[in-house]
Protein backbone atom coordinates (compact mmCIF):
# COMPACT_ATOMS: atom_id res chain seq x y z
CA MET A 1 -17.16 4.07 7.76
CA ILE A 2 -20.24 3.84 5.52
CA VAL A 3 -21.24 0.62 7.31
CA GLN A 4 -20.82 2.41 10.65
CA HIS A 5 -23.07 5.19 9.39
CA VAL A 6 -25.94 3.02 8.17
CA ALA A 7 -25.68 0.81 11.28
CA LYS A 8 -26.45 3.90 13.38
CA LYS A 9 -29.83 4.08 11.66
CA GLY A 10 -30.78 0.70 13.14
CA SER A 11 -29.72 -2.92 13.28
CA LEU A 12 -28.48 -4.32 9.98
CA LYS A 13 -29.51 -7.86 10.85
CA GLY A 14 -31.77 -9.23 8.14
CA LYS A 15 -31.17 -6.18 5.93
CA LYS A 16 -29.86 -6.26 2.38
CA ILE A 17 -26.92 -4.18 1.10
CA ALA A 18 -25.94 -4.08 -2.58
CA LEU A 19 -22.55 -3.02 -3.88
CA VAL A 20 -22.72 -1.55 -7.39
CA TYR A 21 -19.08 -1.51 -8.40
CA HIS A 22 -16.73 -0.84 -11.30
CA ASP A 23 -15.65 -4.30 -12.47
CA SER A 24 -11.94 -3.70 -11.91
CA PRO A 25 -9.45 -4.17 -9.06
CA TYR A 26 -10.43 -0.71 -7.81
CA GLY A 27 -14.11 -1.55 -7.75
CA LYS A 28 -13.51 -4.89 -6.04
CA GLU A 29 -11.54 -3.32 -3.18
CA PRO A 30 -14.37 -3.26 -0.61
CA ILE A 31 -15.76 -6.74 -1.33
CA ARG A 32 -13.67 -8.69 1.19
CA ALA A 33 -14.40 -6.22 4.00
CA LEU A 34 -18.12 -6.11 3.18
CA GLU A 35 -18.30 -9.92 3.17
CA GLU A 36 -16.89 -9.90 6.70
CA HIS A 37 -19.24 -7.09 7.74
CA ALA A 38 -22.16 -9.15 6.41
CA LYS A 39 -21.16 -12.00 8.71
CA LYS A 40 -20.64 -9.64 11.64
CA HIS A 41 -23.87 -7.65 11.26
CA GLY A 42 -26.07 -10.35 9.73
CA PHE A 43 -27.04 -8.59 6.49
CA GLU A 44 -27.31 -10.08 3.01
CA PHE A 45 -24.62 -8.80 0.66
CA LEU A 46 -25.29 -8.45 -3.07
CA LYS A 47 -22.47 -7.88 -5.57
CA LEU A 48 -23.45 -6.08 -8.78
CA PRO A 49 -20.47 -5.48 -11.12
CA VAL A 50 -20.60 -2.86 -13.88
CA THR A 51 -18.42 -3.20 -16.97
CA HIS A 52 -16.16 -0.25 -17.86
CA PRO A 53 -16.86 2.54 -18.70
CA GLY A 54 -20.22 2.06 -17.01
CA VAL A 55 -22.64 3.70 -19.43
CA GLU A 56 -24.76 0.53 -19.74
CA GLN A 57 -26.32 -0.34 -16.38
CA LYS A 58 -29.97 -1.12 -17.09
CA SER A 59 -29.59 -4.81 -16.20
CA THR A 60 -27.80 -3.87 -12.97
CA TRP A 61 -30.55 -1.57 -11.83
CA LEU A 62 -33.22 -4.03 -12.90
CA GLN A 63 -31.68 -6.32 -10.27
CA VAL A 64 -31.78 -3.47 -7.76
CA ARG A 65 -35.48 -2.95 -8.53
CA GLN A 66 -36.14 -6.68 -8.12
CA GLN A 67 -34.03 -7.18 -4.99
CA ARG A 68 -34.92 -3.85 -3.32
CA PRO A 69 -31.83 -3.65 -1.09
CA ASP A 70 -32.06 -1.47 2.00
CA TYR A 71 -28.90 0.34 0.91
CA VAL A 72 -26.83 0.64 -2.24
CA PHE A 73 -23.11 1.37 -1.96
CA LEU A 74 -21.69 2.84 -5.17
CA TRP A 75 -18.01 2.14 -5.93
CA GLY A 76 -17.84 3.80 -9.33
CA TRP A 77 -15.57 5.82 -11.53
CA GLY A 78 -16.11 8.61 -14.02
CA VAL A 79 -19.26 8.48 -16.11
CA MET A 80 -20.36 5.32 -14.29
CA ASN A 81 -21.35 7.39 -11.25
CA SER A 82 -23.77 9.80 -12.92
CA THR A 83 -25.18 6.89 -14.94
CA SER A 84 -25.84 4.94 -11.74
CA ILE A 85 -27.70 7.87 -10.21
CA LYS A 86 -29.80 8.33 -13.35
CA GLU A 87 -30.63 4.62 -13.42
CA ALA A 88 -31.56 4.73 -9.72
CA ILE A 89 -33.97 7.53 -10.56
CA ALA A 90 -35.39 5.47 -13.45
CA VAL A 91 -36.20 2.50 -11.17
CA SER A 92 -37.35 4.79 -8.33
CA TYR A 93 -34.62 3.71 -5.94
CA PRO A 94 -34.34 6.33 -3.14
CA ARG A 95 -31.19 8.43 -3.38
CA LEU A 96 -31.25 8.78 0.41
CA GLN A 97 -30.39 5.09 0.60
CA MET A 98 -27.39 5.41 -1.74
CA PHE A 99 -23.86 5.95 -0.48
CA GLY A 100 -20.91 6.52 -2.78
CA VAL A 101 -17.23 6.02 -2.09
CA TRP A 102 -15.16 9.23 -2.27
CA TRP A 103 -14.53 8.69 -6.01
CA SER A 104 -18.29 8.60 -6.51
CA SER A 105 -19.33 11.70 -4.60
CA ALA A 106 -18.18 14.88 -6.29
CA GLU A 107 -20.06 17.51 -8.29
CA PRO A 108 -19.61 15.82 -11.73
CA ASP A 109 -21.29 12.70 -10.33
CA VAL A 110 -24.52 14.44 -9.34
CA LEU A 111 -24.87 17.50 -11.59
CA PRO A 112 -25.96 15.50 -14.69
CA ALA A 113 -29.04 14.35 -12.75
CA GLU A 114 -29.72 17.88 -11.50
CA MET A 115 -32.29 18.15 -8.69
CA ALA A 116 -33.24 14.48 -9.05
CA ALA A 117 -29.93 13.55 -7.39
CA LYS A 118 -31.06 15.31 -4.20
CA GLY A 119 -30.48 13.14 -1.14
CA TYR A 120 -27.59 11.15 -2.60
CA ASN A 121 -24.79 10.56 -0.07
CA GLY A 122 -21.06 9.97 -0.21
CA ILE A 123 -18.10 9.48 2.07
CA THR A 124 -15.54 12.25 2.06
CA LEU A 125 -12.14 12.17 3.70
CA GLY A 126 -12.48 15.71 4.99
CA HIS A 127 -12.76 17.64 1.75
CA SER A 128 -16.34 18.33 0.80
CA SER A 129 -17.22 21.36 -1.30
CA GLU A 130 -15.92 23.92 1.17
CA LYS A 131 -15.27 27.41 -0.10
CA GLY A 132 -13.62 30.44 1.44
CA LEU A 133 -10.74 28.68 3.17
CA PRO A 134 -7.59 30.77 3.70
CA VAL A 135 -5.82 28.73 1.03
CA HIS A 136 -8.64 29.53 -1.43
CA LYS A 137 -8.18 33.23 -0.74
CA ASP A 138 -4.46 32.87 -1.42
CA VAL A 139 -5.16 31.06 -4.70
CA LEU A 140 -7.49 33.87 -5.80
CA LYS A 141 -5.06 36.59 -4.73
CA HIS A 142 -1.86 35.16 -6.17
CA LEU A 143 -3.24 33.40 -9.25
CA TYR A 144 -6.73 34.31 -10.44
CA ASP A 145 -6.52 38.02 -9.65
CA LYS A 146 -3.38 38.05 -11.82
CA GLY A 147 -4.92 36.05 -14.65
CA LYS A 148 -2.86 32.93 -13.92
CA GLY A 149 -5.60 30.55 -12.78
CA THR A 150 -6.19 27.36 -14.78
CA ALA A 151 -9.72 26.38 -13.74
CA LYS A 152 -12.45 27.04 -16.29
CA SER A 153 -14.21 29.23 -13.76
CA LYS A 154 -13.50 30.66 -10.33
CA ASP A 155 -16.63 28.81 -9.23
CA GLU A 156 -14.65 25.57 -9.36
CA ILE A 157 -12.48 26.75 -6.47
CA GLY A 158 -13.74 24.95 -3.39
CA SER A 159 -15.51 22.14 -5.24
CA VAL A 160 -14.86 18.56 -4.12
CA LEU A 161 -12.41 17.67 -6.88
CA TYR A 162 -10.67 21.06 -6.71
CA ASN A 163 -10.14 20.64 -2.97
CA ARG A 164 -8.95 17.08 -3.44
CA GLY A 165 -6.37 18.14 -6.01
CA MET A 166 -5.28 21.04 -3.83
CA ILE A 167 -4.80 18.76 -0.83
CA SER A 168 -2.85 16.26 -2.95
CA ALA A 169 -0.56 19.06 -4.09
CA MET A 170 -0.06 20.26 -0.52
CA LEU A 171 0.86 16.76 0.68
CA SER A 172 3.32 16.38 -2.21
CA VAL A 173 5.01 19.68 -1.35
CA GLU A 174 5.17 18.77 2.34
CA ALA A 175 6.72 15.40 1.45
CA ILE A 176 9.42 17.20 -0.57
CA LYS A 177 10.04 19.66 2.27
CA GLN A 178 10.29 16.79 4.73
CA ALA A 179 12.78 15.02 2.45
CA GLN A 180 14.85 18.20 2.21
CA SER A 181 14.90 18.45 6.01
CA LYS A 182 16.89 15.21 6.00
CA TYR A 183 18.79 15.26 2.72
CA GLY A 184 19.39 18.99 2.33
CA LYS A 185 17.70 21.82 0.45
CA ARG A 186 18.40 20.62 -3.05
CA VAL A 187 16.60 18.75 -5.80
CA VAL A 188 15.66 15.49 -4.07
CA THR A 189 15.36 12.06 -5.68
CA GLY A 190 12.23 9.96 -5.92
CA GLU A 191 13.48 7.62 -3.21
CA GLU A 192 14.18 10.58 -0.93
CA VAL A 193 10.71 12.00 -1.53
CA ARG A 194 9.29 8.59 -0.66
CA TRP A 195 11.06 8.87 2.70
CA GLY A 196 9.52 12.32 3.10
CA ALA A 197 6.04 10.99 2.32
CA GLU A 198 6.56 8.20 4.85
CA ASN A 199 7.61 10.61 7.57
CA LEU A 200 4.96 13.32 7.45
CA ASN A 201 3.72 14.73 10.73
CA LEU A 202 1.15 17.46 10.08
CA ASP A 203 -0.70 18.38 13.27
CA ALA A 204 -3.78 20.61 13.45
CA ALA A 205 -1.68 23.76 14.00
CA LYS A 206 0.47 23.06 10.93
CA ILE A 207 -2.57 22.32 8.78
CA LYS A 208 -4.18 25.57 9.91
CA ALA A 209 -0.98 27.48 9.12
CA LEU A 210 -1.06 26.02 5.61
CA GLY A 211 -4.57 27.47 5.16
CA PHE A 212 -6.55 24.23 5.22
CA ALA A 213 -8.26 24.68 8.60
CA ASP A 214 -10.50 21.68 9.45
CA THR A 215 -10.59 20.42 5.87
CA VAL A 216 -7.62 18.11 6.46
CA GLN A 217 -7.30 15.87 9.49
CA PRO A 218 -3.92 15.62 11.27
CA VAL A 219 -1.70 13.24 9.31
CA LYS A 220 1.22 11.17 10.62
CA THR A 221 2.72 8.58 8.29
CA SER A 222 5.36 5.89 8.66
CA CYS A 223 6.93 3.01 6.76
CA SER A 224 4.10 0.71 7.90
CA ASP A 225 1.31 3.30 7.68
CA HIS A 226 1.01 5.12 4.37
CA GLU A 227 -2.50 6.38 5.19
CA GLY A 228 -1.57 8.46 8.19
CA VAL A 229 -5.21 9.04 9.07
CA ALA A 230 -8.37 6.97 8.64
CA ARG A 231 -11.25 9.36 9.26
CA GLY A 232 -14.11 10.58 7.14
CA ARG A 233 -17.60 12.08 7.09
CA ILE A 234 -20.77 11.61 5.12
CA HIS A 235 -21.87 14.49 2.93
CA THR A 236 -25.20 14.76 1.14
CA TRP A 237 -26.22 16.50 -2.08
CA ASP A 238 -29.15 18.90 -1.62
CA GLY A 239 -29.65 19.56 -5.33
CA LYS A 240 -27.22 22.48 -5.43
CA GLU A 241 -24.31 21.69 -3.15
CA TRP A 242 -22.83 19.20 -0.70
CA SER A 243 -23.15 19.53 3.06
CA TYR A 244 -21.90 17.37 5.90
CA THR A 245 -24.58 15.13 7.40
CA SER A 246 -22.58 13.12 9.92
CA GLU A 247 -19.89 13.47 12.52
CA TRP A 248 -16.40 12.13 11.94
CA TYR A 249 -16.02 8.37 11.66
CA GLU A 250 -12.84 6.44 12.34
CA ALA A 251 -12.12 3.34 10.25
CA ASP A 252 -11.91 0.16 12.35
CA ARG A 253 -8.26 -0.71 11.76
CA LYS A 254 -8.37 -3.76 14.04
CA PHE A 255 -11.04 -5.17 11.74
CA LEU A 256 -9.38 -4.08 8.48
CA ARG A 257 -5.67 -4.61 9.11
CA PRO A 258 -5.73 -8.44 9.12
CA LEU A 259 -7.67 -8.40 5.83
CA ILE A 260 -5.19 -5.96 4.29
CA GLU A 261 -2.17 -7.95 5.45
CA ALA A 262 -3.59 -11.24 4.18
CA SER A 263 -4.33 -9.68 0.79
CA ALA A 264 -0.89 -8.05 0.60
CA LYS A 265 0.83 -11.32 1.52
CA ALA A 266 -1.06 -13.23 -1.17
CA TYR A 267 -0.26 -10.55 -3.77
CA ALA A 268 3.43 -10.54 -2.84
CA ALA A 269 3.59 -14.32 -3.16
CA GLU A 270 1.81 -14.27 -6.52
CA LYS A 271 4.08 -11.55 -7.93
CA LYS A 272 7.21 -12.90 -6.19
CA ILE A 273 7.75 -9.64 -4.31
CA THR A 274 9.78 -9.51 -1.10
CA PRO A 275 7.85 -7.29 1.32
CA ARG A 276 9.70 -4.49 3.09
CA ASP A 277 10.58 -5.11 6.72
CA CYS A 278 9.79 -1.80 8.41
CA SER A 279 11.33 -3.01 11.68
CA LYS A 280 14.73 -2.92 9.97
CA GLU A 281 14.34 0.62 8.64
CA LYS A 282 15.27 3.68 10.65
């Protein structure tokens, strides 16, 4: 989706894109897809790993200063993200040309750099820093107004990470409710909840009824599709808050699915795992 977004700004042929990533399996996740995108679009792809926890990045950003990529994609974690933004500022790399994955584009990632982080972008799966949703009002009414809230401040309600946690909780509850619809209204087992999570069907009307409005896209999962939805938007930091700066993008599953299946097959063979056959499951 980030590649789709930058491609809209003009042809990527002959351009240079750098991936600054956490040197771990998580950080390496996008490499295979970006290598294929480089072939498809004709851009040069630079891989710049950062050792955990990511507080030492001067050599990485020296390479960015020397190579001057047209875009930097940040696939970081924790303190690595704010450090990357600070180092970008130090080498005068434009924040407007930086795009973080969803784990690199929340308030804690940009606030340490204050106004200097202005213009930094990230992909969000439908949960930017939106406040005032019906579910937020319920949280305030039933928890914080009664002194039962756990956030350090009410101001955290509606922040990126708060919304992400709230959505995760909602999906967990809906998975349990779905499991109980099949197995009965009782304490369900982990395996039964897995069935519930694999059989979610939350349409726009249901999501609105839950108080999440347009923050969550309709989700329909299955044995072979644990994502349920593959849409996201770009949001940009203006120095004080995030705001959406793109329309919705849909991940290109025809492009990605063969890569995912090949990787999964290789992993299963290496670990001697027998993959599930969804065609045999009801």
